[in-house]
């Protein structure tokens, strides 16, 4: 198997976790990165394109369109953001890229990182915007759209969140991670499992199209579970 994948958000916590797993996985032969700033990793699989204006994908090189999957991990916290600003970044940019990709390559898999509690009818702004984004992605002519709705994600492999106070929470919780995972009934995941689950969306035929933490862990760890 020889898959090429496009990753957005690889400078963030989730995206970097996905990138690390793609770098190591034998089924992934090429990794194309779309970023606003350089990720700072030199690897033979990686081709990186820096877009200072990260809202116009009309001139993407053909190499970035002819991939087997897009792992869309870009995202921001809604804290301190107006609904208009959050919608522009979370909904508009996502759909702009997705429409371009599906129009050029409808055989592509599209994995979208949303969040636990996402709901287009929610009274909570971020959940509503993410929910509308999910719905519109599902209407595009991709081969598959897989929605990742993680809750708590523990960073692995030295990865840090771009949101400073998140790192304090992760630092405090790290010694208790095995206990928390056991007590939660496997409802806590980590950046490694998110990455492996995305890769397995390419490798496993019968898996859910909407993944919470438990299903992310199942798909990451055992293809035989599906």
Protein backbone atom coordinates (compact mmCIF):
# COMPACT_ATOMS: atom_id res chain seq x y z
CA UNK A 1 0.00 0.00 0.00
CA UNK A 2 1.24 3.41 -1.00
CA UNK A 3 -0.85 6.37 0.13
CA UNK A 4 -0.28 10.10 -0.15
CA UNK A 5 -2.02 12.33 2.37
CA UNK A 6 -2.60 16.05 2.78
CA UNK A 7 -2.54 17.40 6.34
CA UNK A 8 -3.70 20.80 7.56
CA UNK A 9 -2.95 22.11 11.04
CA UNK A 10 0.31 20.19 11.47
CA UNK A 11 1.75 22.99 13.62
CA UNK A 12 -1.01 22.36 16.18
CA UNK A 13 -1.26 19.61 18.76
CA UNK A 14 -3.62 17.25 16.95
CA UNK A 15 -2.17 17.86 13.50
CA UNK A 16 1.37 17.30 14.67
CA UNK A 17 0.33 14.03 16.27
CA UNK A 18 -1.21 12.93 12.98
CA UNK A 19 1.93 14.04 11.12
CA UNK A 20 4.22 12.00 13.37
CA UNK A 21 2.20 8.84 12.83
CA UNK A 22 2.13 9.39 9.06
CA UNK A 23 5.91 9.88 9.04
CA UNK A 24 6.39 6.52 10.76
CA UNK A 25 3.68 4.45 9.04
CA UNK A 26 4.81 2.19 6.17
CA UNK A 27 1.52 2.63 4.27
CA UNK A 28 2.07 6.40 3.93
CA UNK A 29 4.52 7.22 1.14
CA UNK A 30 4.01 10.97 0.87
CA UNK A 31 2.86 13.77 3.18
CA UNK A 32 1.82 17.16 1.85
CA UNK A 33 1.43 19.93 4.41
CA UNK A 34 -0.63 23.08 4.06
CA UNK A 35 0.41 25.56 6.74
CA UNK A 36 0.41 29.22 7.61
CA UNK A 37 3.86 28.86 9.16
CA UNK A 38 6.57 26.24 8.71
CA UNK A 39 6.28 23.13 10.84
CA UNK A 40 10.07 22.91 11.15
CA UNK A 41 10.42 19.19 10.42
CA UNK A 42 12.73 17.86 7.73
CA UNK A 43 11.66 14.41 6.51
CA UNK A 44 11.89 12.66 3.14
CA UNK A 45 8.13 12.05 2.99
CA UNK A 46 7.20 15.71 3.58
CA UNK A 47 6.42 18.42 1.05
CA UNK A 48 5.26 21.65 2.69
CA UNK A 49 3.44 24.61 1.17
CA UNK A 50 3.17 27.83 3.19
CA UNK A 51 0.11 29.95 2.45
CA UNK A 52 0.25 33.36 4.08
CA UNK A 53 -3.34 34.01 2.94
CA UNK A 54 -4.92 30.83 4.23
CA UNK A 55 -8.31 31.28 2.60
CA UNK A 56 -7.63 30.99 -1.12
CA UNK A 57 -6.92 27.53 -2.47
CA UNK A 58 -7.65 28.25 -6.12
CA UNK A 59 -3.99 27.96 -7.15
CA UNK A 60 -2.99 24.83 -5.24
CA UNK A 61 -0.38 22.78 -7.13
CA UNK A 62 -1.69 19.60 -8.76
CA UNK A 63 0.45 17.56 -6.37
CA UNK A 64 -1.65 18.80 -3.45
CA UNK A 65 -4.90 17.81 -5.16
CA UNK A 66 -4.02 14.28 -6.25
CA UNK A 67 -3.79 12.68 -2.83
CA UNK A 68 -5.62 9.73 -1.30
CA UNK A 69 -6.78 11.55 1.81
CA UNK A 70 -7.00 14.92 3.50
CA UNK A 71 -6.55 14.89 7.26
CA UNK A 72 -8.06 18.24 8.23
CA UNK A 73 -6.72 19.02 11.72
CA UNK A 74 -6.65 22.82 11.60
CA UNK A 75 -8.67 24.50 14.32
CA UNK A 76 -8.76 27.27 16.89
CA UNK A 77 -10.28 27.78 20.30
CA UNK A 78 -13.54 29.75 20.31
CA UNK A 79 -12.44 31.51 23.50
CA UNK A 80 -12.47 35.26 22.92
CA UNK A 81 -13.65 34.92 19.31
CA UNK A 82 -16.81 36.45 17.88
CA UNK A 83 -19.12 34.09 16.02
CA UNK A 84 -18.25 35.85 12.77
CA UNK A 85 -14.50 35.39 13.26
CA UNK A 86 -14.84 31.81 14.48
CA UNK A 87 -17.11 30.95 11.55
CA UNK A 88 -14.68 32.41 9.02
CA UNK A 89 -11.82 30.30 10.31
CA UNK A 90 -13.66 27.14 11.30
CA UNK A 91 -16.35 26.91 8.63
CA UNK A 92 -15.38 29.07 5.66
CA UNK A 93 -11.73 28.02 5.31
CA UNK A 94 -12.62 24.35 5.83
CA UNK A 95 -15.32 24.39 3.15
CA UNK A 96 -13.21 26.42 0.73
CA UNK A 97 -10.51 23.77 0.79
CA UNK A 98 -12.94 20.85 0.85
CA UNK A 99 -14.86 22.12 -2.17
CA UNK A 100 -11.62 22.53 -4.11
CA UNK A 101 -10.44 19.02 -3.21
CA UNK A 102 -13.75 17.27 -3.87
CA UNK A 103 -14.12 19.06 -7.19
CA UNK A 104 -10.69 17.93 -8.35
CA UNK A 105 -10.53 14.51 -6.72
CA UNK A 106 -13.86 13.01 -5.58
CA UNK A 107 -12.20 9.65 -4.83
CA UNK A 108 -10.47 11.22 -1.84
CA UNK A 109 -11.08 10.43 1.83
CA UNK A 110 -11.68 13.51 3.99
CA UNK A 111 -11.16 13.26 7.77
CA UNK A 112 -12.36 16.26 9.75
CA UNK A 113 -11.46 16.95 13.38
CA UNK A 114 -14.54 18.37 15.08
CA UNK A 115 -15.16 17.89 18.78
CA UNK A 116 -17.23 16.16 21.42
CA UNK A 117 -20.57 17.94 21.75
CA UNK A 118 -20.71 19.20 18.17
CA UNK A 119 -24.30 19.83 17.13
CA UNK A 120 -25.66 22.09 14.40
CA UNK A 121 -28.66 22.91 16.62
CA UNK A 122 -26.65 23.69 19.74
CA UNK A 123 -27.01 26.96 21.62
CA UNK A 124 -23.23 26.87 22.14
CA UNK A 125 -21.54 28.85 19.39
CA UNK A 126 -18.54 26.61 18.66
CA UNK A 127 -20.65 23.43 18.67
CA UNK A 128 -23.17 24.96 16.29
CA UNK A 129 -20.52 26.23 13.84
CA UNK A 130 -18.71 22.89 13.87
CA UNK A 131 -22.01 21.07 13.39
CA UNK A 132 -22.94 23.12 10.34
CA UNK A 133 -19.44 22.52 8.96
CA UNK A 134 -19.85 18.76 9.42
CA UNK A 135 -23.20 18.78 7.62
CA UNK A 136 -21.88 20.69 4.63
CA UNK A 137 -18.80 18.48 4.37
CA UNK A 138 -21.03 15.40 4.21
CA UNK A 139 -22.84 16.87 1.21
CA UNK A 140 -19.64 17.12 -0.85
CA UNK A 141 -18.82 14.35 -3.35
CA UNK A 142 -15.92 12.77 -1.48
CA UNK A 143 -15.49 9.00 -1.45
CA UNK A 144 -15.79 9.15 2.35
CA UNK A 145 -16.11 11.88 4.95
CA UNK A 146 -15.12 10.72 8.43
CA UNK A 147 -15.95 12.98 11.36
CA UNK A 148 -13.65 12.84 14.39
CA UNK A 149 -15.33 14.11 17.56
CA UNK A 150 -12.68 13.70 20.23
CA UNK A 151 -13.11 14.79 23.81
CA UNK A 152 -10.01 14.89 26.01
CA UNK A 153 -6.83 14.24 23.97
CA UNK A 154 -3.57 13.53 25.77
CA UNK A 155 -0.52 14.78 23.81
CA UNK A 156 2.20 12.20 23.17
CA UNK A 157 5.75 12.21 21.78
CA UNK A 158 6.66 15.58 23.30
CA UNK A 159 3.88 17.47 21.53
CA UNK A 160 2.59 20.64 23.15
CA UNK A 161 -0.60 22.55 22.60
CA UNK A 162 -0.50 26.03 21.06
CA UNK A 163 -2.93 27.08 23.83
CA UNK A 164 -0.72 27.73 26.84
CA UNK A 165 -3.11 26.89 29.67
CA UNK A 166 -3.97 23.55 28.01
CA UNK A 167 -0.37 22.50 28.56
CA UNK A 168 -0.72 23.00 32.31
CA UNK A 169 -3.76 20.70 32.32
CA UNK A 170 -1.88 18.08 30.28
CA UNK A 171 1.16 18.31 32.55
CA UNK A 172 -0.94 17.80 35.67
CA UNK A 173 -2.97 14.96 34.18
CA UNK A 174 -0.11 13.00 32.56
CA UNK A 175 0.83 10.89 35.64
CA UNK A 176 -2.83 9.93 36.02
CA UNK A 177 -3.47 9.15 32.34
CA UNK A 178 -3.59 5.31 32.69
CA UNK A 179 -5.95 5.58 35.68
CA UNK A 180 -8.16 8.18 33.99
CA UNK A 181 -8.37 6.06 30.86
CA UNK A 182 -9.33 2.99 32.89
CA UNK A 183 -11.91 4.84 34.99
CA UNK A 184 -13.44 6.49 31.91
CA UNK A 185 -13.93 3.18 30.14
CA UNK A 186 -11.46 4.04 27.36
CA UNK A 187 -13.12 7.43 26.79
CA UNK A 188 -9.79 9.30 26.76
CA UNK A 189 -7.62 9.26 23.67
CA UNK A 190 -4.22 10.65 22.67
CA UNK A 191 -2.53 12.25 19.68
CA UNK A 192 -0.96 8.96 18.61
CA UNK A 193 -4.31 7.20 18.45
CA UNK A 194 -5.91 10.03 16.51
CA UNK A 195 -3.15 9.74 13.92
CA UNK A 196 -3.36 5.96 13.69
CA UNK A 197 -7.15 6.07 13.45
CA UNK A 198 -6.95 8.49 10.51
CA UNK A 199 -4.48 6.24 8.72
CA UNK A 200 -6.71 3.24 9.38
CA UNK A 201 -9.60 5.08 7.73
CA UNK A 202 -7.62 4.35 4.56
CA UNK A 203 -6.82 0.76 5.47
CA UNK A 204 -10.04 -0.51 7.05
CA UNK A 205 -13.22 -0.80 5.00
CA UNK A 206 -15.91 -1.14 7.66
CA UNK A 207 -15.55 1.50 10.32
CA UNK A 208 -17.86 4.21 11.71
CA UNK A 209 -18.09 7.50 9.85
CA UNK A 210 -18.39 9.37 13.16
CA UNK A 211 -15.76 8.63 15.78
CA UNK A 212 -15.76 9.59 19.44
CA UNK A 213 -12.79 8.84 21.71
CA UNK A 214 -13.71 5.20 22.25
CA UNK A 215 -14.08 4.55 18.54
CA UNK A 216 -10.88 6.46 17.78
CA UNK A 217 -9.05 4.15 20.19
CA UNK A 218 -10.66 1.05 18.73
CA UNK A 219 -9.82 1.99 15.16
CA UNK A 220 -6.27 2.99 16.12
CA UNK A 221 -5.47 -0.19 17.98
CA UNK A 222 -7.21 -3.05 16.25
CA UNK A 223 -8.52 -3.32 12.72
CA UNK A 224 -10.23 -6.56 13.75
CA UNK A 225 -12.66 -4.60 15.93
CA UNK A 226 -14.64 -3.63 12.81
